Amino acid sequence: MVQMQTLKEILIKNLKLEDMTPEDIDDTMPLFGENGLGLDSVDSIELVLTVDKEFGVKITDSKEYEKIFATVQSLLDFINAQK
C-alpha cells in the first residue's frame, strides 16, 4: 500500500515542484488548475508515466483521467486499488 507522504514526495520530485514540501500539499488539493498544484496538460503525460514507473500501475482508460487525477487523494486511491 502506497502512503500519502510517499506519493507527495514522488509528485514533487517528478513534476518539478521543488518549491513545495509534502506538508504544502493538502490531500484534497486538485492536481490541475490554479487552486491546486497548477499542473497542465503537459504535466498530465508526465503524471501517467510517473505512476507507471514508480508504482507499476498503468492508466489505460483516458476517460478515467479526470476522476483519477481530480485530487491527490483520488490518485492515491486509484494506485492502491490497482496494487
PDB file of N, CA and C in Angstrom:
ATOM      1  N   MET A   1       0.843  -1.184   0.000  1.00  0.00           N
ATOM      2  CA  MET A   1       0.000   0.000   0.000  1.00  0.00           C
ATOM      3  C   MET A   1       0.886   1.246   0.000  1.00  0.00           C
ATOM      4  N   VAL A   2       0.602   2.131  -0.907  1.00  0.00           N
ATOM      5  CA  VAL A   2       1.367   3.369  -1.029  1.00  0.00           C
ATOM      6  C   VAL A   2       0.851   4.373   0.004  1.00  0.00           C
ATOM      7  N   GLN A   3       1.763   5.024   0.684  1.00  0.00           N
ATOM      8  CA  GLN A   3       1.407   6.032   1.680  1.00  0.00           C
ATOM      9  C   GLN A   3       1.320   7.408   1.021  1.00  0.00           C
ATOM     10  N   MET A   4       0.488   8.264   1.580  1.00  0.00           N
ATOM     11  CA  MET A   4       0.293   9.611   1.049  1.00  0.00           C
ATOM     12  C   MET A   4       1.615  10.381   0.996  1.00  0.00           C
ATOM     13  N   GLN A   5       2.409  10.284   2.044  1.00  0.00           N
ATOM     14  CA  GLN A   5       3.689  11.001   2.103  1.00  0.00           C
ATOM     15  C   GLN A   5       4.582  10.599   0.930  1.00  0.00           C
ATOM     16  N   THR A   6       4.630   9.311   0.643  1.00  0.00           N
ATOM     17  CA  THR A   6       5.443   8.803  -0.462  1.00  0.00           C
ATOM     18  C   THR A   6       4.961   9.369  -1.792  1.00  0.00           C
ATOM     19  N   LEU A   7       3.654   9.351  -2.003  1.00  0.00           N
ATOM     20  CA  LEU A   7       3.100   9.886  -3.247  1.00  0.00           C
ATOM     21  C   LEU A   7       3.446  11.362  -3.405  1.00  0.00           C
ATOM     22  N   LYS A   8       3.287  12.129  -2.351  1.00  0.00           N
ATOM     23  CA  LYS A   8       3.585  13.562  -2.420  1.00  0.00           C
ATOM     24  C   LYS A   8       5.059  13.810  -2.743  1.00  0.00           C
ATOM     25  N   GLU A   9       5.948  13.041  -2.127  1.00  0.00           N
ATOM     26  CA  GLU A   9       7.385  13.200  -2.398  1.00  0.00           C
ATOM     27  C   GLU A   9       7.703  12.891  -3.858  1.00  0.00           C
ATOM     28  N   ILE A  10       7.081  11.861  -4.399  1.00  0.00           N
ATOM     29  CA  ILE A  10       7.307  11.482  -5.796  1.00  0.00           C
ATOM     30  C   ILE A  10       6.740  12.540  -6.742  1.00  0.00           C
ATOM     31  N   LEU A  11       5.571  13.075  -6.424  1.00  0.00           N
ATOM     32  CA  LEU A  11       4.997  14.139  -7.255  1.00  0.00           C
ATOM     33  C   LEU A  11       5.911  15.356  -7.276  1.00  0.00           C
ATOM     34  N   ILE A  12       6.416  15.729  -6.118  1.00  0.00           N
ATOM     35  CA  ILE A  12       7.314  16.890  -6.032  1.00  0.00           C
ATOM     36  C   ILE A  12       8.557  16.670  -6.881  1.00  0.00           C
ATOM     37  N   LYS A  13       9.145  15.489  -6.761  1.00  0.00           N
ATOM     38  CA  LYS A  13      10.380  15.190  -7.493  1.00  0.00           C
ATOM     39  C   LYS A  13      10.148  15.107  -9.005  1.00  0.00           C
ATOM     40  N   ASN A  14       9.159  14.353  -9.424  1.00  0.00           N
ATOM     41  CA  ASN A  14       8.971  14.083 -10.846  1.00  0.00           C
ATOM     42  C   ASN A  14       8.268  15.197 -11.610  1.00  0.00           C
ATOM     43  N   LEU A  15       7.505  16.018 -10.917  1.00  0.00           N
ATOM     44  CA  LEU A  15       6.796  17.103 -11.598  1.00  0.00           C
ATOM     45  C   LEU A  15       7.458  18.447 -11.355  1.00  0.00           C
ATOM     46  N   LYS A  16       8.657  18.382 -10.812  1.00  0.00           N
ATOM     47  CA  LYS A  16       9.483  19.583 -10.616  1.00  0.00           C
ATOM     48  C   LYS A  16       8.755  20.655  -9.796  1.00  0.00           C
ATOM     49  N   LEU A  17       8.221  20.213  -8.662  1.00  0.00           N
ATOM     50  CA  LEU A  17       7.529  21.111  -7.738  1.00  0.00           C
ATOM     51  C   LEU A  17       8.432  21.412  -6.548  1.00  0.00           C
ATOM     52  N   GLU A  18       9.707  21.684  -6.832  1.00  0.00           N
ATOM     53  CA  GLU A  18      10.712  21.830  -5.784  1.00  0.00           C
ATOM     54  C   GLU A  18      10.416  22.932  -4.778  1.00  0.00           C
ATOM     55  N   ASP A  19       9.571  23.884  -5.154  1.00  0.00           N
ATOM     56  CA  ASP A  19       9.254  24.959  -4.220  1.00  0.00           C
ATOM     57  C   ASP A  19       8.196  24.536  -3.199  1.00  0.00           C
ATOM     58  N   MET A  20       7.771  23.269  -3.268  1.00  0.00           N
ATOM     59  CA  MET A  20       6.763  22.757  -2.344  1.00  0.00           C
ATOM     60  C   MET A  20       7.351  21.652  -1.483  1.00  0.00           C
ATOM     61  N   THR A  21       6.731  21.441  -0.333  1.00  0.00           N
ATOM     62  CA  THR A  21       7.052  20.306   0.525  1.00  0.00           C
ATOM     63  C   THR A  21       5.799  19.438   0.605  1.00  0.00           C
ATOM     64  N   PRO A  22       5.935  18.186   1.039  1.00  0.00           N
ATOM     65  CA  PRO A  22       4.739  17.354   1.195  1.00  0.00           C
ATOM     66  C   PRO A  22       3.690  18.002   2.103  1.00  0.00           C
ATOM     67  N   GLU A  23       4.146  18.751   3.086  1.00  0.00           N
ATOM     68  CA  GLU A  23       3.222  19.405   4.012  1.00  0.00           C
ATOM     69  C   GLU A  23       2.424  20.520   3.330  1.00  0.00           C
ATOM     70  N   ASP A  24       2.955  21.067   2.244  1.00  0.00           N
ATOM     71  CA  ASP A  24       2.256  22.122   1.498  1.00  0.00           C
ATOM     72  C   ASP A  24       1.096  21.572   0.674  1.00  0.00           C
ATOM     73  N   ILE A  25       1.115  20.279   0.436  1.00  0.00           N
ATOM     74  CA  ILE A  25       0.125  19.662  -0.440  1.00  0.00           C
ATOM     75  C   ILE A  25      -0.966  19.012   0.399  1.00  0.00           C
ATOM     76  N   ASP A  26      -2.163  19.589   0.329  1.00  0.00           N
ATOM     77  CA  ASP A  26      -3.313  19.029   1.035  1.00  0.00           C
ATOM     78  C   ASP A  26      -3.809  17.799   0.272  1.00  0.00           C
ATOM     79  N   ASP A  27      -4.278  16.800   0.999  1.00  0.00           N
ATOM     80  CA  ASP A  27      -4.733  15.566   0.362  1.00  0.00           C
ATOM     81  C   ASP A  27      -5.868  15.807  -0.632  1.00  0.00           C
ATOM     82  N   THR A  28      -6.692  16.808  -0.369  1.00  0.00           N
ATOM     83  CA  THR A  28      -7.841  17.078  -1.241  1.00  0.00           C
ATOM     84  C   THR A  28      -7.544  18.150  -2.285  1.00  0.00           C
ATOM     85  N   MET A  29      -6.283  18.536  -2.382  1.00  0.00           N
ATOM     86  CA  MET A  29      -5.886  19.573  -3.333  1.00  0.00           C
ATOM     87  C   MET A  29      -6.018  19.055  -4.767  1.00  0.00           C
ATOM     88  N   PRO A  30      -6.676  19.829  -5.637  1.00  0.00           N
ATOM     89  CA  PRO A  30      -6.742  19.427  -7.046  1.00  0.00           C
ATOM     90  C   PRO A  30      -5.335  19.389  -7.655  1.00  0.00           C
ATOM     91  N   LEU A  31      -5.121  18.445  -8.542  1.00  0.00           N
ATOM     92  CA  LEU A  31      -3.822  18.351  -9.202  1.00  0.00           C
ATOM     93  C   LEU A  31      -3.682  19.405 -10.296  1.00  0.00           C
ATOM     94  N   PHE A  32      -4.801  19.747 -10.930  1.00  0.00           N
ATOM     95  CA  PHE A  32      -4.762  20.682 -12.054  1.00  0.00           C
ATOM     96  C   PHE A  32      -5.502  21.969 -11.709  1.00  0.00           C
ATOM     97  N   GLY A  33      -5.076  23.058 -12.335  1.00  0.00           N
ATOM     98  CA  GLY A  33      -5.745  24.337 -12.159  1.00  0.00           C
ATOM     99  C   GLY A  33      -5.078  25.229 -11.135  1.00  0.00           C
ATOM    100  N   GLU A  34      -5.535  26.465 -11.128  1.00  0.00           N
ATOM    101  CA  GLU A  34      -4.946  27.498 -10.273  1.00  0.00           C
ATOM    102  C   GLU A  34      -5.110  27.222  -8.787  1.00  0.00           C
ATOM    103  N   ASN A  35      -6.215  26.586  -8.404  1.00  0.00           N
ATOM    104  CA  ASN A  35      -6.497  26.363  -6.987  1.00  0.00           C
ATOM    105  C   ASN A  35      -5.874  25.088  -6.448  1.00  0.00           C
ATOM    106  N   GLY A  36      -5.030  24.467  -7.243  1.00  0.00           N
ATOM    107  CA  GLY A  36      -4.396  23.233  -6.825  1.00  0.00           C
ATOM    108  C   GLY A  36      -2.901  23.299  -7.034  1.00  0.00           C
ATOM    109  N   LEU A  37      -2.352  22.201  -7.516  1.00  0.00           N
ATOM    110  CA  LEU A  37      -0.915  22.153  -7.775  1.00  0.00           C
ATOM    111  C   LEU A  37      -0.538  22.922  -9.034  1.00  0.00           C
ATOM    112  N   GLY A  38      -1.519  23.276  -9.833  1.00  0.00           N
ATOM    113  CA  GLY A  38      -1.250  24.074 -11.026  1.00  0.00           C
ATOM    114  C   GLY A  38      -0.698  23.278 -12.193  1.00  0.00           C
ATOM    115  N   LEU A  39      -0.927  21.969 -12.195  1.00  0.00           N
ATOM    116  CA  LEU A  39      -0.443  21.152 -13.301  1.00  0.00           C
ATOM    117  C   LEU A  39      -1.238  21.470 -14.564  1.00  0.00           C
ATOM    118  N   ASP A  40      -0.617  21.178 -15.726  1.00  0.00           N
ATOM    119  CA  ASP A  40      -1.282  21.415 -17.003  1.00  0.00           C
ATOM    120  C   ASP A  40      -1.276  20.135 -17.834  1.00  0.00           C
ATOM    121  N   SER A  41      -1.711  20.226 -19.080  1.00  0.00           N
ATOM    122  CA  SER A  41      -1.834  19.036 -19.925  1.00  0.00           C
ATOM    123  C   SER A  41      -0.497  18.351 -20.173  1.00  0.00           C
ATOM    124  N   VAL A  42       0.572  19.105 -20.266  1.00  0.00           N
ATOM    125  CA  VAL A  42       1.903  18.504 -20.431  1.00  0.00           C
ATOM    126  C   VAL A  42       2.260  17.700 -19.179  1.00  0.00           C
ATOM    127  N   ASP A  43       1.928  18.251 -18.022  1.00  0.00           N
ATOM    128  CA  ASP A  43       2.189  17.545 -16.767  1.00  0.00           C
ATOM    129  C   ASP A  43       1.388  16.253 -16.672  1.00  0.00           C
ATOM    130  N   SER A  44       0.212  16.216 -17.293  1.00  0.00           N
ATOM    131  CA  SER A  44      -0.610  15.007 -17.212  1.00  0.00           C
ATOM    132  C   SER A  44       0.096  13.821 -17.852  1.00  0.00           C
ATOM    133  N   ILE A  45       0.820  14.066 -18.926  1.00  0.00           N
ATOM    134  CA  ILE A  45       1.591  12.994 -19.569  1.00  0.00           C
ATOM    135  C   ILE A  45       2.680  12.508 -18.625  1.00  0.00           C
ATOM    136  N   GLU A  46       3.385  13.432 -18.017  1.00  0.00           N
ATOM    137  CA  GLU A  46       4.430  13.075 -17.053  1.00  0.00           C
ATOM    138  C   GLU A  46       3.835  12.327 -15.865  1.00  0.00           C
ATOM    139  N   LEU A  47       2.646  12.720 -15.450  1.00  0.00           N
ATOM    140  CA  LEU A  47       1.988  12.073 -14.321  1.00  0.00           C
ATOM    141  C   LEU A  47       1.651  10.619 -14.641  1.00  0.00           C
ATOM    142  N   VAL A  48       1.128  10.366 -15.838  1.00  0.00           N
ATOM    143  CA  VAL A  48       0.821   8.994 -16.262  1.00  0.00           C
ATOM    144  C   VAL A  48       2.096   8.155 -16.272  1.00  0.00           C
ATOM    145  N   LEU A  49       3.179   8.705 -16.818  1.00  0.00           N
ATOM    146  CA  LEU A  49       4.455   7.986 -16.868  1.00  0.00           C
ATOM    147  C   LEU A  49       5.015   7.748 -15.468  1.00  0.00           C
ATOM    148  N   THR A  50       4.877   8.729 -14.592  1.00  0.00           N
ATOM    149  CA  THR A  50       5.371   8.605 -13.221  1.00  0.00           C
ATOM    150  C   THR A  50       4.637   7.506 -12.468  1.00  0.00           C
ATOM    151  N   VAL A  51       3.321   7.463 -12.593  1.00  0.00           N
ATOM    152  CA  VAL A  51       2.524   6.441 -11.904  1.00  0.00           C
ATOM    153  C   VAL A  51       2.939   5.052 -12.381  1.00  0.00           C
ATOM    154  N   ASP A  52       3.171   4.908 -13.671  1.00  0.00           N
ATOM    155  CA  ASP A  52       3.612   3.626 -14.223  1.00  0.00           C
ATOM    156  C   ASP A  52       5.006   3.267 -13.716  1.00  0.00           C
ATOM    157  N   LYS A  53       5.935   4.195 -13.820  1.00  0.00           N
ATOM    158  CA  LYS A  53       7.333   3.933 -13.452  1.00  0.00           C
ATOM    159  C   LYS A  53       7.510   3.697 -11.951  1.00  0.00           C
ATOM    160  N   GLU A  54       6.926   4.555 -11.142  1.00  0.00           N
ATOM    161  CA  GLU A  54       7.151   4.497  -9.695  1.00  0.00           C
ATOM    162  C   GLU A  54       6.317   3.433  -8.988  1.00  0.00           C
ATOM    163  N   PHE A  55       5.104   3.170  -9.501  1.00  0.00           N
ATOM    164  CA  PHE A  55       4.194   2.275  -8.792  1.00  0.00           C
ATOM    165  C   PHE A  55       3.797   1.042  -9.597  1.00  0.00           C
ATOM    166  N   GLY A  56       4.216   0.976 -10.868  1.00  0.00           N
ATOM    167  CA  GLY A  56       3.867  -0.167 -11.697  1.00  0.00           C
ATOM    168  C   GLY A  56       2.387  -0.226 -12.035  1.00  0.00           C
ATOM    169  N   VAL A  57       1.735   0.929 -12.054  1.00  0.00           N
ATOM    170  CA  VAL A  57       0.304   0.999 -12.337  1.00  0.00           C
ATOM    171  C   VAL A  57       0.107   1.743 -13.653  1.00  0.00           C
ATOM    172  N   LYS A  58      -0.546   1.065 -14.593  1.00  0.00           N
ATOM    173  CA  LYS A  58      -0.815   1.684 -15.891  1.00  0.00           C
ATOM    174  C   LYS A  58      -2.217   2.289 -15.889  1.00  0.00           C
ATOM    175  N   ILE A  59      -2.315   3.475 -16.450  1.00  0.00           N
ATOM    176  CA  ILE A  59      -3.610   4.129 -16.611  1.00  0.00           C
ATOM    177  C   ILE A  59      -3.900   4.108 -18.105  1.00  0.00           C
ATOM    178  N   THR A  60      -4.781   3.203 -18.508  1.00  0.00           N
ATOM    179  CA  THR A  60      -5.013   2.992 -19.934  1.00  0.00           C
ATOM    180  C   THR A  60      -6.300   3.631 -20.436  1.00  0.00           C
ATOM    181  N   ASP A  61      -7.239   3.892 -19.556  1.00  0.00           N
ATOM    182  CA  ASP A  61      -8.523   4.459 -19.971  1.00  0.00           C
ATOM    183  C   ASP A  61      -8.502   5.973 -19.801  1.00  0.00           C
ATOM    184  N   SER A  62      -8.305   6.678 -20.905  1.00  0.00           N
ATOM    185  CA  SER A  62      -8.207   8.142 -20.830  1.00  0.00           C
ATOM    186  C   SER A  62      -9.508   8.781 -20.359  1.00  0.00           C
ATOM    187  N   LYS A  63     -10.618   8.055 -20.451  1.00  0.00           N
ATOM    188  CA  LYS A  63     -11.893   8.582 -19.964  1.00  0.00           C
ATOM    189  C   LYS A  63     -11.893   8.697 -18.441  1.00  0.00           C
ATOM    190  N   GLU A  64     -11.028   7.960 -17.800  1.00  0.00           N
ATOM    191  CA  GLU A  64     -10.954   7.960 -16.338  1.00  0.00           C
ATOM    192  C   GLU A  64      -9.985   9.005 -15.793  1.00  0.00           C
ATOM    193  N   TYR A  65      -9.220   9.642 -16.662  1.00  0.00           N
ATOM    194  CA  TYR A  65      -8.199  10.600 -16.212  1.00  0.00           C
ATOM    195  C   TYR A  65      -8.762  11.648 -15.265  1.00  0.00           C
ATOM    196  N   GLU A  66      -9.889  12.241 -15.645  1.00  0.00           N
ATOM    197  CA  GLU A  66     -10.443  13.335 -14.841  1.00  0.00           C
ATOM    198  C   GLU A  66     -10.760  12.869 -13.423  1.00  0.00           C
ATOM    199  N   LYS A  67     -11.313  11.672 -13.301  1.00  0.00           N
ATOM    200  CA  LYS A  67     -11.651  11.132 -11.978  1.00  0.00           C
ATOM    201  C   LYS A  67     -10.389  10.771 -11.194  1.00  0.00           C
ATOM    202  N   ILE A  68      -9.465  10.081 -11.840  1.00  0.00           N
ATOM    203  CA  ILE A  68      -8.239   9.634 -11.174  1.00  0.00           C
ATOM    204  C   ILE A  68      -7.392  10.820 -10.744  1.00  0.00           C
ATOM    205  N   PHE A  69      -7.270  11.805 -11.616  1.00  0.00           N
ATOM    206  CA  PHE A  69      -6.390  12.944 -11.356  1.00  0.00           C
ATOM    207  C   PHE A  69      -7.116  14.142 -10.740  1.00  0.00           C
ATOM    208  N   ALA A  70      -8.285  13.931 -10.173  1.00  0.00           N
ATOM    209  CA  ALA A  70      -9.035  15.038  -9.577  1.00  0.00           C
ATOM    210  C   ALA A  70      -8.272  15.655  -8.408  1.00  0.00           C
ATOM    211  N   THR A  71      -7.802  14.807  -7.499  1.00  0.00           N
ATOM    212  CA  THR A  71      -7.084  15.283  -6.311  1.00  0.00           C
ATOM    213  C   THR A  71      -5.926  14.343  -6.008  1.00  0.00           C
ATOM    214  N   VAL A  72      -5.100  14.740  -5.085  1.00  0.00           N
ATOM    215  CA  VAL A  72      -4.003  13.879  -4.640  1.00  0.00           C
ATOM    216  C   VAL A  72      -4.587  12.598  -4.039  1.00  0.00           C
ATOM    217  N   GLN A  73      -5.654  12.733  -3.258  1.00  0.00           N
ATOM    218  CA  GLN A  73      -6.290  11.570  -2.627  1.00  0.00           C
ATOM    219  C   GLN A  73      -6.871  10.612  -3.659  1.00  0.00           C
ATOM    220  N   SER A  74      -7.529  11.136  -4.693  1.00  0.00           N
ATOM    221  CA  SER A  74      -8.113  10.253  -5.708  1.00  0.00           C
ATOM    222  C   SER A  74      -7.026   9.491  -6.462  1.00  0.00           C
ATOM    223  N   LEU A  75      -5.896  10.124  -6.683  1.00  0.00           N
ATOM    224  CA  LEU A  75      -4.775   9.440  -7.326  1.00  0.00           C
ATOM    225  C   LEU A  75      -4.241   8.335  -6.423  1.00  0.00           C
ATOM    226  N   LEU A  76      -4.083   8.631  -5.146  1.00  0.00           N
ATOM    227  CA  LEU A  76      -3.608   7.620  -4.193  1.00  0.00           C
ATOM    228  C   LEU A  76      -4.588   6.452  -4.120  1.00  0.00           C
ATOM    229  N   ASP A  77      -5.875   6.741  -4.057  1.00  0.00           N
ATOM    230  CA  ASP A  77      -6.894   5.684  -4.001  1.00  0.00           C
ATOM    231  C   ASP A  77      -6.809   4.790  -5.229  1.00  0.00           C
ATOM    232  N   PHE A  78      -6.637   5.387  -6.405  1.00  0.00           N
ATOM    233  CA  PHE A  78      -6.532   4.612  -7.638  1.00  0.00           C
ATOM    234  C   PHE A  78      -5.300   3.710  -7.606  1.00  0.00           C
ATOM    235  N   ILE A  79      -4.162   4.265  -7.234  1.00  0.00           N
ATOM    236  CA  ILE A  79      -2.920   3.484  -7.183  1.00  0.00           C
ATOM    237  C   ILE A  79      -3.081   2.301  -6.242  1.00  0.00           C
ATOM    238  N   ASN A  80      -3.602   2.545  -5.054  1.00  0.00           N
ATOM    239  CA  ASN A  80      -3.743   1.469  -4.072  1.00  0.00           C
ATOM    240  C   ASN A  80      -4.777   0.434  -4.493  1.00  0.00           C
ATOM    241  N   ALA A  81      -5.802   0.832  -5.220  1.00  0.00           N
ATOM    242  CA  ALA A  81      -6.808  -0.115  -5.705  1.00  0.00           C
ATOM    243  C   ALA A  81      -6.233  -1.042  -6.774  1.00  0.00           C
ATOM    244  N   GLN A  82      -5.208  -0.583  -7.482  1.00  0.00           N
ATOM    245  CA  GLN A  82      -4.595  -1.375  -8.550  1.00  0.00           C
ATOM    246  C   GLN A  82      -3.524  -2.325  -8.046  1.00  0.00           C
ATOM    247  N   LYS A  83      -3.072  -2.139  -6.831  1.00  0.00           N
ATOM    248  CA  LYS A  83      -1.971  -2.961  -6.298  1.00  0.00           C
ATOM    249  C   LYS A  83      -2.491  -4.217  -5.643  1.00  0.00           C
TER     250      LYS A  83
END
